[in-house]
Amino acid sequence: MSAEDTVTMFENVKRICHDNRGCKGLEFATNVSDLVIEEVGDGNLNDVIRILSPSFNGRNSAVAKRGPPYIKCLGPEYPLTINRNKVEYDALLKFDSIIPGCVPKPLYRSPDENIYFMEDLKGYELLRRLLIKGINCEEAILKLAQNIAQVHKETHVSKLSQEEKTELTEDFKNEEMVALTKNFVFTAPFVNGEPTNQCADNVRPLLPQIYDAPNVLQASERMRILFLEKKECLVHGDLHTGSVMCTSDGKDPKMMDIEFAFFGPCAFDVGMFLANLIFTFYQHMSTQQDNDTHRQYAYGIVNLGKQFVAVYMKQMTCISGSIENFISEVTGFCGCELIRRTIGVAHVEDFKDSEFGEQEALGAGIRLLQAVDRIETVDKLMVIALMLV
C-alpha cells in the first residue's frame, strides 16, 4: 500500500469511527480532529489499526481491522476476498454470544468501507510471545480449551435442527478462505518445487522424507479431504498461539483473527493449536542460554498440551464417532500444521533465534503423518511427535 493510500485509509477510519460514536465502545470519537491512529500488528492478511482519543475520559480507544483485496504478506498478485471481513465480524458476534468475553467485543462494522471495529485489548499480549518469554500461561491455555470446546459443542450438528445447520453452514461457507487453507496448509507444502514454499538450508535435507514418502503424501491428502468434507461444527479455522491474546500474566484468553471461521471438523482447531504448543516445546529445548530452565519449561508445555486436549474432551461431549478416531484426526491436522509452518509460506516467530527448532518441528510433523493411523491417545501423539521416552 502506498503512503497516500495509507493516509486515506487512516482518514476513513477516523471518519467512520466519529460517524458511529453512538455505538457502545465508540463514544470516545466525539471530536474527529482529536483522534489519533496507530498501526498495530504485523498480520499476514489484514491491516490492523488502533484509534484513540487522548483527551477522552474513560475507555478512549478501539481497534479497527481492514482486509485488503489480496494476501498482505504476498502482495497484490495474490488476490483474496474482502468478504472475510464480514465473516470475521459475524464470527466474533457468534463466539461472543456463546461465551461472552472469549473474543474482543465486536463494536461496529462498515460494509461499504470493509472495516470493522472491536474492543482494544490494552494490557494484553499475544499468547505466542508470552510462551516465547517463558511465562506460565497454564490458566489461559486451559480456559481456551474450555472456550473453544463450548463453541464447538453449541454449534455441533448433533445440537442443531436441519434448518439451523443449513443457516450456519451458509453464513460461514467462507469458500475463498477455506480454499486458502486448503492450498497453503494441505497442498503447497506437499508439492516439491512449489514457488511459495520457503525453508531454511538446514531443513532442506529432510524434504525427501516428505516428497519421496507416499505414506506422508497420502496422509496429507486424507487430511485435506477431511478438512473440506467433514461438516461438524463452527470452527475458528486458524487457532494457534498467535491468534490468541491474554493478560501479561498468562490469563483471560481472547480468541481473535477468526476470518477463517467455517463449518468443519472440530479436530482441526485442536490439532492446529497443539502443533503450536509443539513449536513452543522445540523453541525452548533449543535455547542454549540457561538451557536447564528452558528444558524444564519445555517439558511443562508437553504436559500442558495433554491437559489442553483433556479439558477440551471433558467439555466437548458431542464428538462424532470414537474418541480414538478424533485423536487420529487431531494427529493428522497437527502434523500438517507442523510441516506447513516449517517449509510453507507462513513460518512462526518461535524459531527466530533457534538454529535447529524448525528442523526438529518438521521431523515431528513427518512422524505424526507417518503414524496417524496408529495414534489413538494424546500421550502417544506426544511421544511419537517429540520422540519422548
Protein backbone atom coordinates (compact mmCIF):
# COMPACT_ATOMS: atom_id res chain seq x y z
CA MET A 1 0.00 0.00 0.00
CA SER A 2 1.35 3.44 -0.95
CA ALA A 3 1.83 6.19 1.65
CA GLU A 4 -1.08 8.08 0.05
CA ASP A 5 -3.37 5.05 0.31
CA THR A 6 -2.38 4.60 3.94
CA VAL A 7 -3.27 8.21 4.77
CA THR A 8 -6.63 7.80 3.00
CA MET A 9 -7.34 4.62 4.97
CA PHE A 10 -6.49 6.35 8.25
CA GLU A 11 -8.81 9.27 7.46
CA ASN A 12 -11.60 6.83 6.56
CA VAL A 13 -11.18 5.02 9.87
CA LYS A 14 -11.40 8.32 11.77
CA ARG A 15 -14.50 9.39 9.85
CA ILE A 16 -16.32 6.09 10.27
CA CYS A 17 -15.49 5.93 13.97
CA HIS A 18 -16.70 9.51 14.50
CA ASP A 19 -19.89 8.97 12.47
CA ASN A 20 -20.74 5.95 14.65
CA ARG A 21 -19.79 7.39 18.04
CA GLY A 22 -23.27 6.47 19.24
CA CYS A 23 -22.27 2.78 19.23
CA LYS A 24 -21.24 1.32 22.56
CA GLY A 25 -17.45 1.33 22.70
CA LEU A 26 -17.00 4.18 20.18
CA GLU A 27 -18.26 7.02 22.40
CA PHE A 28 -14.74 8.44 22.63
CA ALA A 29 -14.83 9.59 18.96
CA THR A 30 -16.64 12.85 19.72
CA ASN A 31 -14.07 15.09 18.03
CA VAL A 32 -12.64 13.78 14.76
CA SER A 33 -9.70 16.19 14.89
CA ASP A 34 -8.68 14.73 18.26
CA LEU A 35 -8.48 11.15 17.01
CA VAL A 36 -5.06 9.52 16.71
CA ILE A 37 -4.21 6.48 14.58
CA GLU A 38 -1.59 3.83 15.36
CA GLU A 39 -0.77 0.79 13.24
CA VAL A 40 -0.66 -2.37 15.33
CA GLY A 41 0.14 -5.96 14.45
CA ASP A 42 2.04 -7.44 11.54
CA GLY A 43 -0.51 -9.93 10.26
CA ASN A 44 -0.18 -11.91 7.05
CA LEU A 45 -3.60 -10.86 5.74
CA ASN A 46 -5.01 -7.64 7.20
CA ASP A 47 -4.41 -4.03 8.25
CA VAL A 48 -4.94 -3.61 12.00
CA ILE A 49 -5.23 -0.08 13.39
CA ARG A 50 -5.74 1.39 16.86
CA ILE A 51 -7.80 4.59 17.01
CA LEU A 52 -7.84 6.64 20.20
CA SER A 53 -8.79 9.99 21.68
CA PRO A 54 -6.12 11.14 24.18
CA SER A 55 -8.40 13.77 25.74
CA PHE A 56 -11.40 11.49 26.35
CA ASN A 57 -12.05 10.39 29.94
CA GLY A 58 -12.82 6.67 30.18
CA ARG A 59 -12.35 3.94 27.58
CA ASN A 60 -10.77 6.01 24.84
CA SER A 61 -9.75 3.60 22.10
CA ALA A 62 -10.82 0.80 19.77
CA VAL A 63 -9.15 -1.38 17.17
CA ALA A 64 -10.17 -1.30 13.51
CA LYS A 65 -9.48 -4.13 11.08
CA ARG A 66 -9.50 -3.86 7.31
CA GLY A 67 -8.98 -6.67 4.82
CA PRO A 68 -7.26 -5.58 1.60
CA PRO A 69 -8.31 -7.45 -1.58
CA TYR A 70 -5.15 -9.58 -1.55
CA ILE A 71 -2.91 -11.64 0.76
CA LYS A 72 -0.97 -8.91 2.54
CA CYS A 73 2.24 -10.92 3.06
CA LEU A 74 2.37 -12.00 -0.61
CA GLY A 75 1.17 -8.84 -2.36
CA PRO A 76 -1.49 -7.79 -4.91
CA GLU A 77 -0.63 -10.63 -7.28
CA TYR A 78 -2.34 -12.96 -4.78
CA PRO A 79 -5.98 -11.69 -4.67
CA LEU A 80 -8.18 -12.56 -1.71
CA THR A 81 -11.86 -12.00 -0.98
CA ILE A 82 -12.79 -8.92 1.04
CA ASN A 83 -15.81 -10.86 2.33
CA ARG A 84 -13.50 -12.26 5.01
CA ASN A 85 -14.02 -9.02 6.94
CA LYS A 86 -17.77 -9.72 7.20
CA VAL A 87 -17.20 -13.39 8.08
CA GLU A 88 -14.80 -12.44 10.85
CA TYR A 89 -17.14 -9.84 12.32
CA ASP A 90 -20.05 -12.30 12.20
CA ALA A 91 -17.85 -14.96 13.83
CA LEU A 92 -16.90 -12.55 16.63
CA LEU A 93 -20.59 -11.90 17.24
CA LYS A 94 -21.34 -15.64 17.26
CA PHE A 95 -18.45 -16.61 19.55
CA ASP A 96 -19.27 -13.74 21.94
CA SER A 97 -22.94 -14.78 22.05
CA ILE A 98 -21.92 -18.32 23.12
CA ILE A 99 -19.23 -17.29 25.64
CA PRO A 100 -19.25 -13.54 26.38
CA GLY A 101 -15.69 -12.25 26.64
CA CYS A 102 -13.96 -15.11 24.82
CA VAL A 103 -13.16 -12.72 21.94
CA PRO A 104 -12.62 -8.95 21.72
CA LYS A 105 -16.06 -7.33 21.90
CA PRO A 106 -17.25 -6.54 18.33
CA LEU A 107 -18.45 -2.91 18.17
CA TYR A 108 -19.43 -1.88 14.64
CA ARG A 109 -18.87 -2.85 11.01
CA SER A 110 -18.96 -0.57 7.96
CA PRO A 111 -19.83 -2.83 4.99
CA ASP A 112 -19.18 -0.08 2.43
CA GLU A 113 -15.62 0.51 3.66
CA ASN A 114 -14.92 -3.11 4.58
CA ILE A 115 -13.76 -2.09 8.06
CA TYR A 116 -14.93 -3.27 11.45
CA PHE A 117 -14.22 -2.04 14.98
CA MET A 118 -13.66 -4.12 18.09
CA GLU A 119 -12.58 -3.78 21.68
CA ASP A 120 -8.99 -2.63 22.21
CA LEU A 121 -7.27 -5.25 24.37
CA LYS A 122 -4.97 -2.85 26.21
CA GLY A 123 -2.59 -4.68 28.51
CA TYR A 124 -2.96 -7.94 26.58
CA GLU A 125 -0.21 -9.69 24.66
CA LEU A 126 -0.07 -12.43 22.07
CA LEU A 127 -0.02 -15.82 23.76
CA ARG A 128 2.81 -16.85 21.44
CA ARG A 129 5.08 -14.08 22.71
CA LEU A 130 4.36 -14.88 26.35
CA LEU A 131 5.22 -18.53 25.70
CA ILE A 132 8.43 -17.49 23.93
CA LYS A 133 9.37 -15.50 27.04
CA GLY A 134 8.68 -18.50 29.26
CA ILE A 135 5.66 -17.04 31.08
CA ASN A 136 3.35 -19.50 32.85
CA CYS A 137 0.23 -19.49 30.64
CA GLU A 138 -1.44 -22.60 32.02
CA GLU A 139 -4.59 -20.74 33.13
CA ALA A 140 -5.08 -19.10 29.71
CA ILE A 141 -4.48 -22.28 27.74
CA LEU A 142 -6.84 -24.43 29.80
CA LYS A 143 -9.50 -21.72 29.71
CA LEU A 144 -9.03 -21.57 25.94
CA ALA A 145 -9.64 -25.32 25.76
CA GLN A 146 -12.94 -24.84 27.63
CA ASN A 147 -13.96 -21.92 25.41
CA ILE A 148 -13.30 -23.49 22.02
CA ALA A 149 -14.92 -26.74 23.21
CA GLN A 150 -18.03 -24.79 24.22
CA VAL A 151 -18.20 -23.07 20.82
CA HIS A 152 -17.84 -26.44 19.10
CA LYS A 153 -20.47 -28.05 21.34
CA GLU A 154 -23.07 -25.31 20.95
CA THR A 155 -22.74 -25.32 17.14
CA HIS A 156 -22.36 -29.09 16.69
CA VAL A 157 -24.61 -30.84 14.17
CA SER A 158 -25.99 -33.05 16.93
CA LYS A 159 -27.49 -29.98 18.63
CA LEU A 160 -28.81 -28.21 15.53
CA SER A 161 -32.01 -28.63 13.61
CA GLN A 162 -31.60 -29.12 9.88
CA GLU A 163 -32.68 -25.51 9.36
CA GLU A 164 -30.13 -24.23 11.89
CA LYS A 165 -27.36 -26.32 10.33
CA THR A 166 -28.21 -25.04 6.85
CA GLU A 167 -28.22 -21.45 8.08
CA LEU A 168 -24.92 -21.75 9.97
CA THR A 169 -23.23 -23.56 7.08
CA GLU A 170 -24.38 -20.89 4.65
CA ASP A 171 -23.41 -17.99 6.93
CA PHE A 172 -19.91 -19.40 7.33
CA LYS A 173 -19.38 -21.04 3.95
CA ASN A 174 -16.29 -18.83 3.58
CA GLU A 175 -15.24 -20.56 0.38
CA GLU A 176 -12.20 -18.43 -0.51
CA MET A 177 -10.67 -18.62 2.97
CA VAL A 178 -11.29 -22.37 3.11
CA ALA A 179 -9.57 -22.62 -0.28
CA LEU A 180 -6.66 -20.59 1.10
CA THR A 181 -6.21 -23.08 3.94
CA LYS A 182 -6.58 -25.99 1.52
CA ASN A 183 -3.86 -24.52 -0.69
CA PHE A 184 -1.34 -23.32 1.90
CA VAL A 185 -1.78 -25.92 4.66
CA PHE A 186 -2.66 -29.13 2.82
CA THR A 187 -1.44 -28.70 -0.76
CA ALA A 188 1.50 -26.36 -1.45
CA PRO A 189 3.81 -27.62 1.32
CA PHE A 190 3.47 -31.15 -0.06
CA VAL A 191 4.35 -30.17 -3.65
CA ASN A 192 8.05 -30.33 -4.42
CA GLY A 193 9.20 -27.12 -6.08
CA GLU A 194 6.08 -25.08 -5.20
CA PRO A 195 7.28 -21.44 -5.56
CA THR A 196 5.58 -20.14 -2.40
CA ASN A 197 7.36 -22.68 -0.17
CA GLN A 198 10.27 -21.40 1.90
CA CYS A 199 12.61 -23.34 4.13
CA ALA A 200 15.96 -22.90 5.88
CA ASP A 201 19.05 -24.58 4.50
CA ASN A 202 19.32 -26.98 7.45
CA VAL A 203 15.71 -28.09 6.86
CA ARG A 204 16.21 -28.88 3.17
CA PRO A 205 17.85 -32.31 3.72
CA LEU A 206 14.60 -33.50 5.36
CA LEU A 207 12.43 -32.71 2.33
CA PRO A 208 12.81 -36.15 0.67
CA GLN A 209 11.13 -37.60 3.80
CA ILE A 210 8.03 -35.77 2.55
CA TYR A 211 8.25 -35.73 -1.22
CA ASP A 212 9.64 -39.25 -1.60
CA ALA A 213 7.34 -40.75 1.05
CA PRO A 214 3.98 -41.98 -0.34
CA ASN A 215 2.60 -42.60 3.18
CA VAL A 216 3.21 -38.96 4.21
CA LEU A 217 1.71 -37.58 0.99
CA GLN A 218 -1.29 -39.90 1.25
CA ALA A 219 -1.87 -38.88 4.87
CA SER A 220 -1.79 -35.17 3.99
CA GLU A 221 -4.27 -35.81 1.17
CA ARG A 222 -6.62 -37.61 3.56
CA MET A 223 -6.45 -34.68 5.97
CA ARG A 224 -7.18 -32.27 3.13
CA ILE A 225 -10.31 -34.24 2.20
CA LEU A 226 -11.41 -34.46 5.84
CA PHE A 227 -10.90 -30.70 6.27
CA LEU A 228 -13.08 -29.98 3.24
CA GLU A 229 -15.80 -32.59 3.70
CA LYS A 230 -16.47 -33.14 7.41
CA LYS A 231 -19.22 -30.69 8.40
CA GLU A 232 -19.33 -30.98 12.18
CA CYS A 233 -19.43 -27.58 13.91
CA LEU A 234 -18.35 -23.94 13.65
CA VAL A 235 -14.56 -23.86 13.95
CA HIS A 236 -12.17 -20.95 14.45
CA GLY A 237 -10.24 -22.09 11.40
CA ASP A 238 -6.84 -20.63 12.34
CA LEU A 239 -6.41 -21.34 16.05
CA HIS A 240 -2.81 -21.02 17.12
CA THR A 241 -0.77 -19.25 19.79
CA GLY A 242 -0.53 -16.16 17.57
CA SER A 243 -4.33 -15.83 17.24
CA VAL A 244 -4.96 -15.68 20.99
CA MET A 245 -4.27 -12.74 23.31
CA CYS A 246 -4.19 -12.85 27.09
CA THR A 247 -3.08 -10.73 30.01
CA SER A 248 0.66 -10.35 30.56
CA ASP A 249 0.47 -12.81 33.47
CA GLY A 250 -0.97 -15.53 31.21
CA LYS A 251 -4.69 -15.30 31.98
CA ASP A 252 -8.03 -14.39 30.35
CA PRO A 253 -7.56 -15.69 26.77
CA LYS A 254 -9.28 -13.90 23.88
CA MET A 255 -9.52 -15.62 20.50
CA MET A 256 -9.01 -13.34 17.53
CA ASP A 257 -8.26 -13.42 13.77
CA ILE A 258 -11.37 -15.50 13.09
CA GLU A 259 -11.68 -14.69 9.39
CA PHE A 260 -11.08 -18.38 8.59
CA ALA A 261 -14.16 -19.50 10.54
CA PHE A 262 -16.24 -22.14 8.75
CA PHE A 263 -18.41 -25.17 9.39
CA GLY A 264 -15.92 -28.03 9.55
CA PRO A 265 -14.22 -30.69 11.70
CA CYS A 266 -13.70 -29.88 15.38
CA ALA A 267 -10.37 -31.77 15.40
CA PHE A 268 -8.93 -29.10 13.09
CA ASP A 269 -8.83 -26.38 15.76
CA VAL A 270 -7.43 -28.78 18.36
CA GLY A 271 -4.71 -30.15 16.08
CA MET A 272 -3.61 -26.71 14.87
CA PHE A 273 -3.29 -25.37 18.41
CA LEU A 274 -1.46 -28.46 19.66
CA ALA A 275 1.08 -28.08 16.83
CA ASN A 276 1.83 -24.57 18.00
CA LEU A 277 2.50 -25.80 21.54
CA ILE A 278 4.98 -28.20 19.95
CA PHE A 279 6.69 -25.19 18.37
CA THR A 280 6.98 -23.74 21.88
CA PHE A 281 8.49 -27.00 23.10
CA TYR A 282 11.21 -27.03 20.45
CA GLN A 283 11.92 -23.32 20.83
CA HIS A 284 12.76 -23.79 24.50
CA MET A 285 14.56 -27.11 24.03
CA SER A 286 16.88 -25.44 21.50
CA THR A 287 17.61 -22.32 23.60
CA GLN A 288 21.23 -22.64 24.72
CA GLN A 289 21.40 -19.92 27.35
CA ASP A 290 20.19 -21.22 30.73
CA ASN A 291 19.22 -24.42 28.94
CA ASP A 292 18.17 -26.34 32.06
CA THR A 293 15.46 -23.75 32.85
CA HIS A 294 14.25 -23.74 29.27
CA ARG A 295 14.13 -27.54 29.14
CA GLN A 296 12.01 -27.65 32.30
CA TYR A 297 9.63 -25.13 30.72
CA ALA A 298 9.51 -27.23 27.54
CA TYR A 299 8.54 -30.39 29.43
CA GLY A 300 5.86 -28.36 31.19
CA ILE A 301 4.48 -27.45 27.75
CA VAL A 302 4.20 -31.16 26.90
CA ASN A 303 2.03 -31.72 29.96
CA LEU A 304 0.04 -28.59 29.17
CA GLY A 305 -0.67 -29.89 25.67
CA LYS A 306 -2.04 -33.11 27.16
CA GLN A 307 -4.15 -31.10 29.61
CA PHE A 308 -5.45 -28.91 26.80
CA VAL A 309 -6.85 -31.94 25.00
CA ALA A 310 -8.17 -33.50 28.23
CA VAL A 311 -10.04 -30.33 29.20
CA TYR A 312 -11.40 -29.99 25.67
CA MET A 313 -12.62 -33.60 25.67
CA LYS A 314 -14.32 -33.19 29.05
CA GLN A 315 -16.17 -30.07 27.88
CA MET A 316 -16.89 -31.20 24.33
CA THR A 317 -19.41 -34.01 24.70
CA CYS A 318 -20.64 -34.05 21.09
CA ILE A 319 -17.72 -35.64 19.24
CA SER A 320 -18.80 -37.57 16.15
CA GLY A 321 -17.53 -41.15 16.26
CA SER A 322 -14.99 -42.67 18.64
CA ILE A 323 -12.50 -40.78 20.79
CA GLU A 324 -9.72 -42.79 19.14
CA ASN A 325 -10.80 -41.59 15.71
CA PHE A 326 -10.96 -37.99 16.97
CA ILE A 327 -7.37 -38.19 18.30
CA SER A 328 -6.24 -39.65 14.98
CA GLU A 329 -7.79 -36.65 13.20
CA VAL A 330 -6.11 -34.27 15.67
CA THR A 331 -2.81 -36.04 14.94
CA GLY A 332 -3.15 -35.58 11.19
CA PHE A 333 -4.06 -31.91 11.41
CA CYS A 334 -1.25 -31.33 13.91
CA GLY A 335 1.26 -32.96 11.56
CA CYS A 336 0.16 -30.87 8.58
CA GLU A 337 0.45 -27.65 10.62
CA LEU A 338 3.96 -28.57 11.82
CA ILE A 339 5.06 -29.19 8.24
CA ARG A 340 3.46 -26.17 6.60
CA ARG A 341 4.86 -23.76 9.24
CA THR A 342 8.41 -25.00 8.61
CA ILE A 343 8.52 -25.31 4.82
CA GLY A 344 5.49 -23.32 3.62
CA VAL A 345 4.90 -19.60 3.13
CA ALA A 346 3.99 -18.66 6.73
CA HIS A 347 6.54 -19.50 9.43
CA VAL A 348 6.39 -18.81 13.19
CA GLU A 349 8.46 -16.37 15.21
CA ASP A 350 9.21 -19.01 17.86
CA PHE A 351 12.27 -20.05 15.88
CA LYS A 352 13.64 -16.60 15.07
CA ASP A 353 16.70 -17.22 17.29
CA SER A 354 16.74 -21.01 17.06
CA GLU A 355 19.16 -22.81 14.76
CA PHE A 356 17.54 -26.23 14.90
CA GLY A 357 13.95 -25.58 16.02
CA GLU A 358 12.39 -25.75 12.56
CA GLN A 359 14.32 -28.88 11.71
CA GLU A 360 13.02 -30.61 14.85
CA ALA A 361 9.44 -29.41 14.31
CA LEU A 362 9.43 -30.64 10.72
CA GLY A 363 10.63 -34.05 11.88
CA ALA A 364 7.78 -34.15 14.38
CA GLY A 365 5.24 -33.35 11.67
CA ILE A 366 6.59 -36.08 9.41
CA ARG A 367 6.47 -38.65 12.23
CA LEU A 368 2.86 -37.78 13.03
CA LEU A 369 1.71 -38.21 9.43
CA GLN A 370 3.62 -41.49 9.18
CA ALA A 371 1.89 -42.80 12.32
CA VAL A 372 -1.51 -41.12 12.02
CA ASP A 373 -3.41 -44.43 11.84
CA ARG A 374 -1.68 -45.81 14.95
CA ILE A 375 -2.23 -42.88 17.31
CA GLU A 376 -5.35 -43.08 19.46
CA THR A 377 -4.29 -41.12 22.58
CA VAL A 378 -2.74 -37.70 23.08
CA ASP A 379 0.02 -39.30 25.18
CA LYS A 380 1.05 -41.42 22.20
CA LEU A 381 0.81 -38.39 19.92
CA MET A 382 3.30 -36.52 22.09
CA VAL A 383 5.63 -39.50 22.46
CA ILE A 384 5.84 -40.02 18.70
CA ALA A 385 5.99 -36.33 17.78
CA LEU A 386 8.69 -35.44 20.33
CA MET A 387 10.44 -38.84 20.48
CA LEU A 388 9.93 -38.96 24.25
CA VAL A 389 10.91 -41.98 26.32
